[in-house]
N, C-alpha and C. Protein backbone atom coordinates (compact mmCIF):
# COMPACT_ATOMS: atom_id res chain seq x y z
N MET A 1 0.33 -1.05 0.11
CA MET A 1 -0.06 -0.02 0.23
C MET A 1 0.29 0.99 0.13
N ASN A 2 0.57 2.55 -1.00
CA ASN A 2 1.58 3.27 -0.67
C ASN A 2 0.35 4.50 -0.20
N TYR A 3 0.74 4.33 1.21
CA TYR A 3 0.79 6.43 2.07
C TYR A 3 0.50 6.99 1.84
N SER A 4 1.83 7.53 0.75
CA SER A 4 2.51 9.02 0.30
C SER A 4 1.14 10.18 0.37
N ALA A 5 1.91 11.22 0.90
CA ALA A 5 0.75 12.47 1.58
C ALA A 5 0.21 13.84 -0.42
N THR A 6 -1.60 12.75 -1.03
CA THR A 6 -1.81 12.86 -1.98
C THR A 6 -2.98 13.60 -1.55
N ALA A 7 -3.85 13.98 -2.51
CA ALA A 7 -4.99 15.25 -2.51
C ALA A 7 -6.33 14.01 -2.99
N ASN A 8 -5.78 12.86 -4.16
CA ASN A 8 -6.47 12.12 -3.75
C ASN A 8 -6.30 10.75 -3.47
N GLY A 9 -6.93 10.47 -2.41
CA GLY A 9 -7.13 8.97 -1.90
C GLY A 9 -6.67 9.53 -0.87
N SER A 10 -6.89 10.51 0.45
CA SER A 10 -5.95 10.85 1.48
C SER A 10 -7.12 10.27 2.43
N LYS A 11 -7.64 10.30 2.19
CA LYS A 11 -9.69 9.84 2.49
C LYS A 11 -9.46 7.95 3.66
N LYS A 12 -9.35 7.93 2.25
CA LYS A 12 -9.65 6.22 1.64
C LYS A 12 -7.87 5.53 2.55
N GLN A 13 -7.59 6.06 2.29
CA GLN A 13 -5.78 5.48 3.66
C GLN A 13 -6.31 5.83 4.91
N LEU A 14 -6.57 7.37 5.23
CA LEU A 14 -6.79 7.02 7.11
C LEU A 14 -7.80 6.32 7.18
N GLU A 15 -8.69 5.76 6.46
CA GLU A 15 -9.11 4.74 7.20
C GLU A 15 -8.36 3.37 6.65
N SER A 16 -7.69 3.07 6.34
CA SER A 16 -6.97 1.77 5.61
C SER A 16 -6.15 1.88 7.77
N VAL A 17 -6.22 3.29 7.23
CA VAL A 17 -4.36 3.12 9.23
C VAL A 17 -5.76 2.79 9.86
N LEU A 18 -7.75 3.36 10.14
CA LEU A 18 -7.24 3.87 11.66
C LEU A 18 -7.86 2.26 11.03
N GLY A 19 -8.35 1.87 10.69
CA GLY A 19 -8.32 -0.36 10.28
C GLY A 19 -7.39 -1.23 10.92
N GLY A 20 -6.45 -0.57 10.43
CA GLY A 20 -5.66 -1.30 11.13
C GLY A 20 -4.73 -1.01 12.58
N LEU A 21 -5.21 0.49 12.80
CA LEU A 21 -4.60 0.66 13.46
C LEU A 21 -6.03 -0.42 15.43
N SER A 22 -7.20 0.09 14.63
CA SER A 22 -8.03 0.34 15.58
C SER A 22 -8.19 -2.03 15.77
N LEU A 23 -7.83 -3.05 14.88
CA LEU A 23 -6.59 -3.79 15.32
C LEU A 23 -6.18 -4.65 15.94
N MET A 24 -4.74 -2.96 15.95
CA MET A 24 -4.22 -3.64 16.97
C MET A 24 -4.03 -3.37 18.26
N ILE A 25 -4.64 -2.27 18.47
CA ILE A 25 -5.99 -1.74 19.98
C ILE A 25 -5.71 -3.13 20.12
N ILE A 26 -7.21 -3.10 19.40
CA ILE A 26 -7.95 -4.86 20.27
C ILE A 26 -7.07 -6.01 20.19
N SER A 27 -5.93 -6.19 19.36
CA SER A 27 -5.29 -6.93 19.82
C SER A 27 -4.41 -6.71 21.05
N THR A 28 -3.55 -5.45 20.85
CA THR A 28 -3.13 -5.48 21.88
C THR A 28 -2.85 -5.44 23.72
N ILE A 29 -4.42 -5.31 23.83
CA ILE A 29 -5.81 -5.45 24.77
C ILE A 29 -5.40 -7.31 24.95
N VAL A 30 -5.85 -7.42 24.51
CA VAL A 30 -6.23 -9.14 24.12
C VAL A 30 -5.51 -10.04 25.35
N TRP A 31 -4.30 -9.55 24.55
CA TRP A 31 -2.69 -10.60 24.12
C TRP A 31 -1.58 -9.59 26.00
N VAL A 32 -2.15 -8.52 26.14
CA VAL A 32 -2.41 -7.93 27.50
C VAL A 32 -3.18 -8.27 28.35
N ILE A 33 -4.31 -8.73 28.11
CA ILE A 33 -5.77 -9.32 30.19
C ILE A 33 -4.77 -11.06 30.20
N ILE A 34 -4.38 -12.22 28.74
CA ILE A 34 -4.46 -12.98 28.77
C ILE A 34 -2.78 -13.05 29.44
N GLY A 35 -1.87 -12.20 29.99
CA GLY A 35 -0.51 -12.32 30.38
C GLY A 35 -0.84 -12.57 31.43
N GLU A 36 -1.79 -11.50 31.99
CA GLU A 36 -1.46 -10.73 33.45
C GLU A 36 -2.54 -11.43 33.91
N VAL A 37 -4.01 -11.93 33.79
CA VAL A 37 -4.69 -13.58 34.23
C VAL A 37 -3.90 -14.04 34.64
N THR A 38 -3.03 -14.88 33.81
CA THR A 38 -2.21 -15.87 34.49
C THR A 38 -0.67 -15.56 35.56
N LEU A 39 -0.83 -14.04 35.30
CA LEU A 39 0.13 -14.16 36.51
C LEU A 39 -0.66 -13.48 37.57
N HIS A 40 -1.10 -13.20 37.52
CA HIS A 40 -2.57 -13.13 38.77
C HIS A 40 -1.37 -12.14 39.70
N GLY A 41 -0.94 -10.95 39.04
CA GLY A 41 -0.21 -9.63 39.41
C GLY A 41 1.25 -10.40 40.41
N ARG A 42 2.01 -11.32 40.08
CA ARG A 42 3.56 -11.58 40.54
C ARG A 42 4.31 -10.29 39.66
N ASP A 43 3.84 -10.60 38.70
CA ASP A 43 4.69 -8.85 38.15
C ASP A 43 3.82 -7.79 38.84
N TYR A 44 3.44 -7.23 39.70
CA TYR A 44 2.58 -6.61 39.74
C TYR A 44 2.16 -4.84 38.69
N TRP A 45 1.53 -5.90 38.75
CA TRP A 45 0.62 -5.75 37.17
C TRP A 45 1.27 -4.44 36.41
N LEU A 46 2.98 -3.79 36.33
CA LEU A 46 3.87 -3.09 35.78
C LEU A 46 3.04 -4.20 33.80
N ILE A 47 3.08 -5.04 34.12
CA ILE A 47 3.23 -5.22 32.50
C ILE A 47 2.32 -4.79 31.57
N GLY A 48 0.98 -4.90 32.69
CA GLY A 48 -0.63 -4.38 31.80
C GLY A 48 -0.67 -2.69 32.58
N ALA A 49 0.43 -2.44 33.08
CA ALA A 49 0.33 -0.80 33.23
C ALA A 49 1.36 -0.12 31.57
N LEU A 50 2.65 -0.96 31.77
CA LEU A 50 3.02 -0.76 30.21
C LEU A 50 2.16 -0.79 29.13
N PHE A 51 0.90 -1.77 28.10
CA PHE A 51 0.79 -1.78 27.84
C PHE A 51 -0.75 -1.13 27.62
N THR A 52 -0.92 -0.70 28.80
CA THR A 52 -2.53 0.47 29.15
C THR A 52 -1.80 1.97 29.17
N LEU A 53 -0.90 1.95 28.28
CA LEU A 53 0.43 3.92 28.48
C LEU A 53 0.17 3.37 26.36
N ILE A 54 -0.32 2.44 26.47
CA ILE A 54 0.59 2.13 25.12
C ILE A 54 -0.61 1.91 24.76
N VAL A 55 -1.59 1.31 25.67
CA VAL A 55 -2.95 1.25 24.18
C VAL A 55 -4.12 2.75 24.58
N LEU A 56 -3.24 4.04 25.59
CA LEU A 56 -4.04 5.52 25.49
C LEU A 56 -3.87 6.49 24.09
N SER A 57 -2.00 5.45 23.53
CA SER A 57 -1.34 6.79 22.83
C SER A 57 -2.08 6.50 21.55
N PHE A 58 -2.62 4.88 21.64
CA PHE A 58 -2.85 4.81 20.20
C PHE A 58 -4.29 5.38 19.94
N LEU A 59 -5.00 4.63 21.02
CA LEU A 59 -6.29 5.68 20.88
C LEU A 59 -5.92 7.53 21.11
N VAL A 60 -4.89 7.70 21.13
CA VAL A 60 -4.58 8.95 21.32
C VAL A 60 -4.71 9.62 19.74
N PHE A 61 -4.02 8.79 19.05
CA PHE A 61 -3.25 8.57 17.93
C PHE A 61 -5.03 8.64 16.94
N TYR A 62 -5.70 7.43 17.15
CA TYR A 62 -6.57 6.85 16.60
C TYR A 62 -7.59 7.97 16.60
N ALA A 63 -7.86 8.74 17.67
CA ALA A 63 -8.86 10.16 17.84
C ALA A 63 -8.16 10.94 17.02
N LYS A 64 -7.49 11.72 16.80
CA LYS A 64 -6.92 12.38 15.53
C LYS A 64 -7.02 12.26 14.41
N PHE A 65 -6.48 10.94 13.59
CA PHE A 65 -6.82 10.28 12.34
C PHE A 65 -8.31 9.79 12.39
N HIS A 66 -9.05 9.91 13.15
CA HIS A 66 -10.60 10.06 13.16
C HIS A 66 -10.72 11.77 12.97
N SER A 67 -10.88 12.18 12.88
CA SER A 67 -11.23 13.61 12.71
C SER A 67 -10.45 14.50 12.27
N MET A 68 -9.60 14.46 11.11
CA MET A 68 -8.62 14.47 10.44
C MET A 68 -9.53 13.33 8.60
N ALA A 69 -9.54 12.03 9.96
CA ALA A 69 -11.03 11.90 8.53
C ALA A 69 -12.14 12.67 8.57
N LYS A 70 -12.90 12.84 8.92
CA LYS A 70 -14.40 13.44 8.82
C LYS A 70 -13.81 14.79 7.97
N LYS A 71 -12.84 15.06 8.37
CA LYS A 71 -12.93 16.45 7.40
C LYS A 71 -12.61 16.47 6.22
N LEU A 72 -11.83 15.42 5.34
CA LEU A 72 -12.05 15.43 3.82
C LEU A 72 -13.10 14.73 3.39
N PRO A 73 -13.52 15.37 2.21
CA PRO A 73 -14.40 14.93 1.37
C PRO A 73 -13.91 13.93 1.04
N GLU A 74 -15.69 13.05 1.12
CA GLU A 74 -16.54 11.66 0.40
C GLU A 74 -16.03 11.48 -0.95
N GLU A 75 -15.28 10.78 -1.22
CA GLU A 75 -14.27 9.85 -2.43
C GLU A 75 -15.46 9.25 -3.46
N PRO A 76 -15.45 9.48 -4.54
CA PRO A 76 -16.12 8.18 -5.05
C PRO A 76 -15.56 7.65 -5.32
N VAL A 77 -16.89 6.97 -5.60
CA VAL A 77 -16.54 4.91 -5.21
C VAL A 77 -16.32 4.23 -6.43
N VAL A 78 -15.26 3.80 -6.62
CA VAL A 78 -15.20 3.45 -8.11
C VAL A 78 -14.73 2.21 -7.89
N ALA A 79 -15.15 0.94 -8.42
CA ALA A 79 -15.18 -0.28 -8.43
C ALA A 79 -13.55 -0.80 -9.11
N ASN A 80 -12.87 -0.79 -8.34
CA ASN A 80 -11.52 -1.69 -8.31
C ASN A 80 -11.17 -2.96 -8.55
N GLY A 81 -11.25 -3.60 -9.01
CA GLY A 81 -11.71 -5.09 -9.14
C GLY A 81 -9.84 -5.72 -8.18
N ASP A 82 -8.67 -4.77 -8.00
CA ASP A 82 -8.05 -5.06 -7.70
C ASP A 82 -7.51 -5.76 -6.19
N GLU A 83 -8.22 -4.23 -5.65
CA GLU A 83 -9.57 -3.73 -3.75
C GLU A 83 -10.30 -4.94 -2.85
N LYS A 84 -10.81 -5.65 -4.42
CA LYS A 84 -11.61 -6.00 -4.12
C LYS A 84 -11.37 -7.74 -3.62
N ALA A 85 -10.15 -7.62 -4.51
CA ALA A 85 -9.96 -9.38 -4.54
C ALA A 85 -8.74 -9.36 -3.08
N LYS A 86 -7.94 -8.06 -2.88
CA LYS A 86 -7.50 -7.69 -1.73
C LYS A 86 -8.31 -8.30 -0.84
N SER A 87 -9.38 -7.50 -0.69
CA SER A 87 -10.20 -8.24 0.89
C SER A 87 -11.00 -9.86 0.50
N LYS A 88 -10.93 -9.88 -0.21
CA LYS A 88 -11.45 -11.62 -0.38
C LYS A 88 -10.00 -12.01 0.02
N ARG A 89 -9.02 -12.38 -0.36
CA ARG A 89 -7.98 -12.88 0.06
C ARG A 89 -7.41 -13.07 1.71
N PHE A 90 -7.86 -11.50 2.06
CA PHE A 90 -7.44 -10.94 3.95
C PHE A 90 -9.64 -11.60 3.98
N THR A 91 -9.81 -11.73 4.01
CA THR A 91 -11.28 -12.59 4.57
C THR A 91 -10.65 -14.22 4.31
N ILE A 92 -10.62 -14.63 4.11
CA ILE A 92 -9.99 -15.82 3.14
C ILE A 92 -8.87 -15.93 5.23
N ILE A 93 -7.28 -15.68 4.65
CA ILE A 93 -6.75 -15.35 5.08
C ILE A 93 -7.63 -14.95 7.17
N PHE A 94 -8.20 -14.90 6.88
CA PHE A 94 -8.55 -14.13 8.42
C PHE A 94 -9.64 -15.14 8.56
N ILE A 95 -10.17 -16.18 8.05
CA ILE A 95 -11.12 -16.99 8.43
C ILE A 95 -10.40 -18.43 8.64
N ALA A 96 -9.05 -18.42 7.68
CA ALA A 96 -8.36 -19.18 7.80
C ALA A 96 -7.46 -19.47 9.24
N GLU A 97 -7.78 -18.08 9.77
CA GLU A 97 -7.42 -18.52 11.44
C GLU A 97 -7.36 -19.02 12.08
N GLY A 98 -8.57 -17.89 11.79
CA GLY A 98 -9.27 -18.82 12.81
C GLY A 98 -10.42 -20.14 13.31
N VAL A 99 -10.65 -20.32 12.00
CA VAL A 99 -10.73 -22.02 11.46
C VAL A 99 -9.00 -22.63 12.64
N GLY A 100 -7.91 -22.48 12.13
CA GLY A 100 -6.76 -23.11 13.08
C GLY A 100 -6.60 -22.87 14.39
N ILE A 101 -7.49 -21.66 15.14
CA ILE A 101 -7.35 -21.99 16.47
C ILE A 101 -8.28 -22.49 17.22
N LEU A 102 -9.67 -22.88 16.48
CA LEU A 102 -10.97 -23.61 17.24
C LEU A 102 -10.40 -24.89 16.62
N VAL A 103 -9.81 -25.53 15.59
CA VAL A 103 -9.31 -27.12 15.40
C VAL A 103 -7.79 -27.32 16.44
N ILE A 104 -7.01 -26.14 16.45
CA ILE A 104 -6.21 -26.44 17.92
C ILE A 104 -5.96 -26.79 19.00
N LYS A 105 -7.09 -25.53 18.47
CA LYS A 105 -8.42 -25.91 20.37
C LYS A 105 -9.06 -27.39 21.04
N ASN A 106 -9.09 -27.50 20.16
CA ASN A 106 -9.78 -29.13 19.91
C ASN A 106 -8.67 -29.93 19.73
N VAL A 107 -8.05 -30.07 19.21
CA VAL A 107 -7.55 -30.65 19.64
C VAL A 107 -6.38 -31.10 20.97
N LEU A 108 -6.12 -29.92 20.71
CA LEU A 108 -5.61 -30.17 22.26
C LEU A 108 -5.88 -30.11 23.93
N ALA A 109 -7.31 -29.99 23.55
CA ALA A 109 -8.34 -30.20 24.32
C ALA A 109 -7.95 -31.79 24.48
N ASN A 110 -8.43 -32.20 23.09
CA ASN A 110 -8.27 -33.94 23.58
C ASN A 110 -7.57 -35.05 24.23
N THR A 111 -6.28 -34.06 23.50
CA THR A 111 -5.23 -34.68 23.37
C THR A 111 -4.17 -34.94 25.78
N GLY A 112 -5.28 -34.62 26.28
CA GLY A 112 -4.17 -34.06 27.75
C GLY A 112 -3.91 -32.66 27.07
N HIS A 113 -3.32 -31.66 26.54
CA HIS A 113 -2.62 -30.68 26.50
C HIS A 113 -2.74 -29.07 26.31
N ASP A 114 -3.31 -29.09 26.51
CA ASP A 114 -4.22 -27.42 26.75
C ASP A 114 -3.18 -26.55 27.12
N ASN A 115 -2.67 -27.37 27.72
CA ASN A 115 -1.11 -25.51 28.01
C ASN A 115 -0.11 -25.26 27.26
N TRP A 116 -0.05 -25.68 25.32
CA TRP A 116 -0.34 -25.94 24.52
C TRP A 116 -0.60 -24.35 23.63
N PHE A 117 -2.04 -23.50 24.46
CA PHE A 117 -2.49 -24.03 23.70
C PHE A 117 -2.07 -22.35 23.24
N ILE A 118 -1.44 -21.21 24.51
CA ILE A 118 -1.87 -19.96 24.57
C ILE A 118 -0.22 -19.74 22.40
N ALA A 119 0.95 -20.60 22.51
CA ALA A 119 2.30 -21.37 22.22
C ALA A 119 1.45 -20.98 20.69
N SER A 120 0.45 -21.77 21.06
CA SER A 120 -0.21 -22.58 19.67
C SER A 120 -0.81 -21.39 18.64
N ILE A 121 -1.86 -20.31 19.45
CA ILE A 121 -2.31 -18.59 19.04
C ILE A 121 -1.19 -18.06 18.38
N ALA A 122 0.35 -17.98 19.12
CA ALA A 122 0.87 -16.92 18.90
C ALA A 122 1.37 -18.53 17.37
N LEU A 123 1.51 -18.74 17.41
CA LEU A 123 1.89 -19.47 15.84
C LEU A 123 0.97 -18.60 14.54
N ILE A 124 0.07 -19.68 15.36
CA ILE A 124 -0.85 -19.09 13.90
C ILE A 124 -1.01 -17.71 13.50
N VAL A 125 -0.74 -17.00 14.47
CA VAL A 125 -1.09 -15.60 13.94
C VAL A 125 0.35 -15.25 13.52
N GLY A 126 0.89 -16.18 13.77
CA GLY A 126 2.94 -15.78 13.51
C GLY A 126 2.91 -15.76 11.88
N MET A 127 1.30 -17.01 11.53
CA MET A 127 2.27 -17.92 10.51
C MET A 127 0.77 -16.64 9.41
N HIS A 128 -0.37 -16.50 9.65
CA HIS A 128 -0.72 -15.13 9.06
C HIS A 128 -0.74 -14.50 8.43
N PHE A 129 0.59 -13.79 8.32
CA PHE A 129 1.14 -12.44 8.76
C PHE A 129 1.42 -12.91 7.32
N PHE A 130 2.39 -14.22 6.73
CA PHE A 130 2.36 -14.49 5.68
C PHE A 130 2.41 -14.68 4.47
N PRO A 131 1.06 -14.03 4.40
CA PRO A 131 0.15 -14.40 3.57
C PRO A 131 0.17 -13.54 3.00
N LEU A 132 -0.70 -12.53 4.35
CA LEU A 132 -0.77 -10.90 4.69
C LEU A 132 0.37 -10.32 3.59
N ALA A 133 1.46 -10.47 4.19
CA ALA A 133 2.90 -9.66 3.41
C ALA A 133 1.96 -9.95 1.17
N LYS A 134 1.25 -10.89 1.26
CA LYS A 134 2.22 -11.33 -0.13
C LYS A 134 0.60 -10.70 -0.89
N VAL A 135 -0.15 -10.22 -0.01
CA VAL A 135 -1.89 -9.56 -0.58
C VAL A 135 -1.72 -8.17 -0.67
N PHE A 136 -0.66 -7.51 0.64
CA PHE A 136 -0.85 -6.26 0.57
C PHE A 136 0.31 -5.14 0.31
N ASN A 137 1.08 -6.58 -0.44
CA ASN A 137 2.80 -5.37 -0.59
C ASN A 137 3.25 -5.32 0.64
N ARG A 138 3.69 -5.35 1.84
CA ARG A 138 3.98 -4.68 2.56
C ARG A 138 4.62 -5.91 3.36
N LYS A 139 6.50 -5.38 3.27
CA LYS A 139 7.24 -6.59 4.14
C LYS A 139 7.24 -6.51 5.66
N PHE A 140 7.17 -5.63 5.64
CA PHE A 140 7.09 -4.96 7.54
C PHE A 140 6.43 -6.20 8.10
N ASP A 141 4.81 -6.80 7.24
CA ASP A 141 4.53 -9.15 8.10
C ASP A 141 5.52 -10.31 8.01
N TYR A 142 6.63 -9.51 7.09
CA TYR A 142 7.21 -11.08 7.49
C TYR A 142 8.39 -10.59 8.89
N PHE A 143 8.49 -9.11 8.87
CA PHE A 143 8.95 -9.37 10.22
C PHE A 143 8.36 -9.59 11.11
N MET A 144 7.23 -8.90 10.48
CA MET A 144 6.43 -9.17 12.15
C MET A 144 5.91 -10.71 12.83
N GLY A 145 6.25 -11.62 11.05
CA GLY A 145 5.18 -13.23 10.75
C GLY A 145 6.65 -13.97 12.36
N ALA A 146 7.49 -13.73 11.63
CA ALA A 146 8.46 -14.35 12.17
C ALA A 146 9.25 -13.67 13.96
N PHE A 147 8.13 -12.79 14.32
CA PHE A 147 9.19 -12.36 15.84
C PHE A 147 7.56 -13.52 15.97
N VAL A 148 6.94 -13.15 15.48
CA VAL A 148 5.39 -14.05 16.22
C VAL A 148 5.61 -15.21 16.12
N CYS A 149 5.75 -16.12 15.20
CA CYS A 149 6.21 -17.43 14.90
C CYS A 149 8.01 -17.10 16.20
N LEU A 150 8.91 -16.87 16.05
CA LEU A 150 10.05 -16.84 17.28
C LEU A 150 9.95 -17.39 18.82
N VAL A 151 8.49 -16.40 18.90
CA VAL A 151 7.87 -15.93 20.31
C VAL A 151 6.70 -16.91 20.90
N ALA A 152 6.37 -17.64 19.86
CA ALA A 152 5.73 -19.08 20.27
C ALA A 152 6.43 -19.55 19.96
N ILE A 153 8.12 -20.61 19.16
CA ILE A 153 8.66 -21.78 19.31
C ILE A 153 9.22 -21.20 21.11
N VAL A 154 9.97 -20.02 21.41
CA VAL A 154 10.45 -20.27 22.64
C VAL A 154 9.32 -20.20 23.73
N GLY A 155 8.26 -20.19 23.62
CA GLY A 155 6.88 -20.94 24.12
C GLY A 155 6.90 -22.11 24.21
N PHE A 156 6.89 -22.31 23.19
CA PHE A 156 6.62 -24.70 23.11
C PHE A 156 8.04 -24.88 23.52
N MET A 157 9.20 -24.25 23.45
CA MET A 157 10.21 -24.63 24.51
C MET A 157 10.98 -24.64 25.89
N LEU A 158 10.33 -23.64 26.07
CA LEU A 158 9.75 -23.81 28.51
C LEU A 158 8.85 -24.14 28.21
N ILE A 159 8.12 -24.91 27.69
CA ILE A 159 6.69 -26.02 27.71
C ILE A 159 7.20 -27.04 28.20
N SER A 160 8.08 -27.52 26.67
CA SER A 160 9.04 -28.68 26.69
C SER A 160 9.24 -28.78 28.53
N LYS A 161 9.85 -27.89 28.82
CA LYS A 161 11.08 -28.20 30.11
C LYS A 161 10.20 -27.93 30.84
N GLY A 162 8.97 -27.70 30.13
CA GLY A 162 9.41 -27.98 31.84
C GLY A 162 8.33 -27.07 32.89
N PHE A 163 8.04 -25.25 32.90
CA PHE A 163 8.39 -24.17 33.07
C PHE A 163 6.12 -24.40 32.92
N PRO A 164 6.13 -23.66 34.62
CA PRO A 164 4.68 -23.22 34.95
C PRO A 164 3.80 -22.51 33.69
N THR A 165 2.49 -22.73 33.42
CA THR A 165 1.75 -21.58 33.06
C THR A 165 2.03 -20.23 33.33
N TYR A 166 2.23 -19.99 34.15
CA TYR A 166 2.97 -19.10 34.81
C TYR A 166 3.03 -17.87 34.93
N VAL A 167 4.24 -18.38 33.77
CA VAL A 167 5.51 -18.56 33.44
C VAL A 167 5.80 -17.91 32.04
N THR A 168 5.68 -19.45 31.53
CA THR A 168 4.82 -19.66 29.63
C THR A 168 3.73 -18.79 28.73
N THR A 169 2.93 -18.06 29.99
CA THR A 169 1.56 -17.53 29.33
C THR A 169 2.24 -16.19 29.01
N PRO A 170 3.03 -15.43 30.23
CA PRO A 170 3.16 -14.45 30.32
C PRO A 170 4.15 -13.65 29.43
N ILE A 171 4.92 -14.60 29.04
CA ILE A 171 6.33 -14.19 27.73
C ILE A 171 5.82 -14.00 26.41
N ILE A 172 4.92 -14.99 27.18
CA ILE A 172 4.32 -15.67 24.92
C ILE A 172 3.08 -14.13 25.01
N SER A 173 2.53 -14.30 25.76
CA SER A 173 1.35 -12.82 25.49
C SER A 173 2.29 -11.29 25.72
N THR A 174 3.49 -11.68 26.11
CA THR A 174 3.91 -10.57 26.19
C THR A 174 4.67 -10.33 24.70
N GLY A 175 5.06 -10.58 24.50
CA GLY A 175 6.32 -10.83 22.80
C GLY A 175 4.87 -10.70 21.83
N CYS A 176 3.80 -10.79 22.05
CA CYS A 176 2.85 -11.43 20.83
C CYS A 176 2.64 -9.35 20.74
N ALA A 177 2.63 -8.61 21.52
CA ALA A 177 1.45 -7.56 22.54
C ALA A 177 3.10 -6.30 22.17
N LEU A 178 3.93 -7.03 22.40
CA LEU A 178 5.69 -6.56 22.27
C LEU A 178 5.11 -5.93 20.42
N ALA A 179 4.33 -7.60 19.79
CA ALA A 179 4.11 -7.23 18.34
C ALA A 179 3.10 -6.25 18.05
N THR A 180 2.14 -6.94 18.30
CA THR A 180 1.06 -5.28 18.05
C THR A 180 1.11 -4.29 18.24
N SER A 181 2.23 -3.95 19.43
CA SER A 181 2.22 -2.84 19.91
C SER A 181 3.26 -2.03 19.05
N ALA A 182 4.24 -2.18 17.80
CA ALA A 182 4.68 -2.41 17.01
C ALA A 182 4.13 -2.16 15.93
N TYR A 183 3.31 -2.69 15.10
CA TYR A 183 2.44 -2.46 14.43
C TYR A 183 1.71 -1.52 14.45
N GLY A 184 1.20 -1.36 16.22
CA GLY A 184 0.23 0.00 15.48
C GLY A 184 1.38 1.17 15.49
N THR A 185 2.30 1.41 16.19
CA THR A 185 3.33 2.08 15.35
C THR A 185 3.74 2.58 14.26
N MET A 186 3.43 2.46 14.03
CA MET A 186 3.91 1.30 12.22
C MET A 186 2.15 2.12 11.67
N MET A 187 1.28 2.07 11.96
CA MET A 187 0.38 2.86 11.02
C MET A 187 -0.02 4.23 11.45
N ILE A 188 0.33 3.58 12.57
CA ILE A 188 0.15 5.61 13.52
C ILE A 188 2.23 6.51 12.83
N LEU A 189 2.89 6.38 11.94
CA LEU A 189 2.97 6.71 11.83
C LEU A 189 3.04 6.72 10.18
N LYS A 190 2.65 5.77 9.15
CA LYS A 190 2.19 6.23 7.71
C LYS A 190 0.70 6.85 8.87
N GLY A 191 0.05 7.18 9.19
CA GLY A 191 -1.04 8.60 9.40
C GLY A 191 -0.56 9.54 9.43
N ASN A 192 0.51 9.58 10.02
CA ASN A 192 1.41 10.55 10.18
C ASN A 192 1.90 11.46 8.47
N LYS A 193 1.74 10.92 8.36
CA LYS A 193 1.96 11.00 7.28
C LYS A 193 1.18 12.42 6.04
N ILE A 194 -0.23 10.94 6.11
CA ILE A 194 -0.73 12.10 5.48
C ILE A 194 -1.57 13.39 5.41
N ARG A 195 -1.79 14.17 4.43
CA ARG A 195 -2.51 15.79 4.96
C ARG A 195 -3.49 15.45 4.06
N PRO A 196 -4.51 16.15 5.17
CA PRO A 196 -5.66 16.89 4.82
C PRO A 196 -5.49 17.29 3.41
């Protein structure tokens, strides 16, 4: 995607940034809640406090970009086959990710390996970035995918060495929250380049 500042397409670009930033806000919150619930305050809620500040800063930028988008004129709707194809592929990837998570949860629960679930989610989430990188032509997604998969692998290694869930789950969830925070920061940087 090209986020260069142009008069034509600025509203659409801002809406794309808003969509990406909202997904990263939600994802960061979910990962932090998973980690903090598992920690039961063993970290004195420091991880939660840190990521609360990050999420609040994301919300400030979300409000800024939303306000900017409202001031921009509506653009004519142009039927773009490429955009429709990208949207369809994104939907397929998203559905496959959800189905993969449901299947792995079922398999792990039925084999007595529920403790592998969070690492498995992280691996599936990491893997979904690779086809997204191709669909949206974003190199950053490859780095995100590799980082989140690495976090998942570290989680699997710790679990296999017998570390308890209250150690492994926060490590995995904090790594994933760092990744979503990095992605949110990238969206903010792109949004700041767009001029009304």
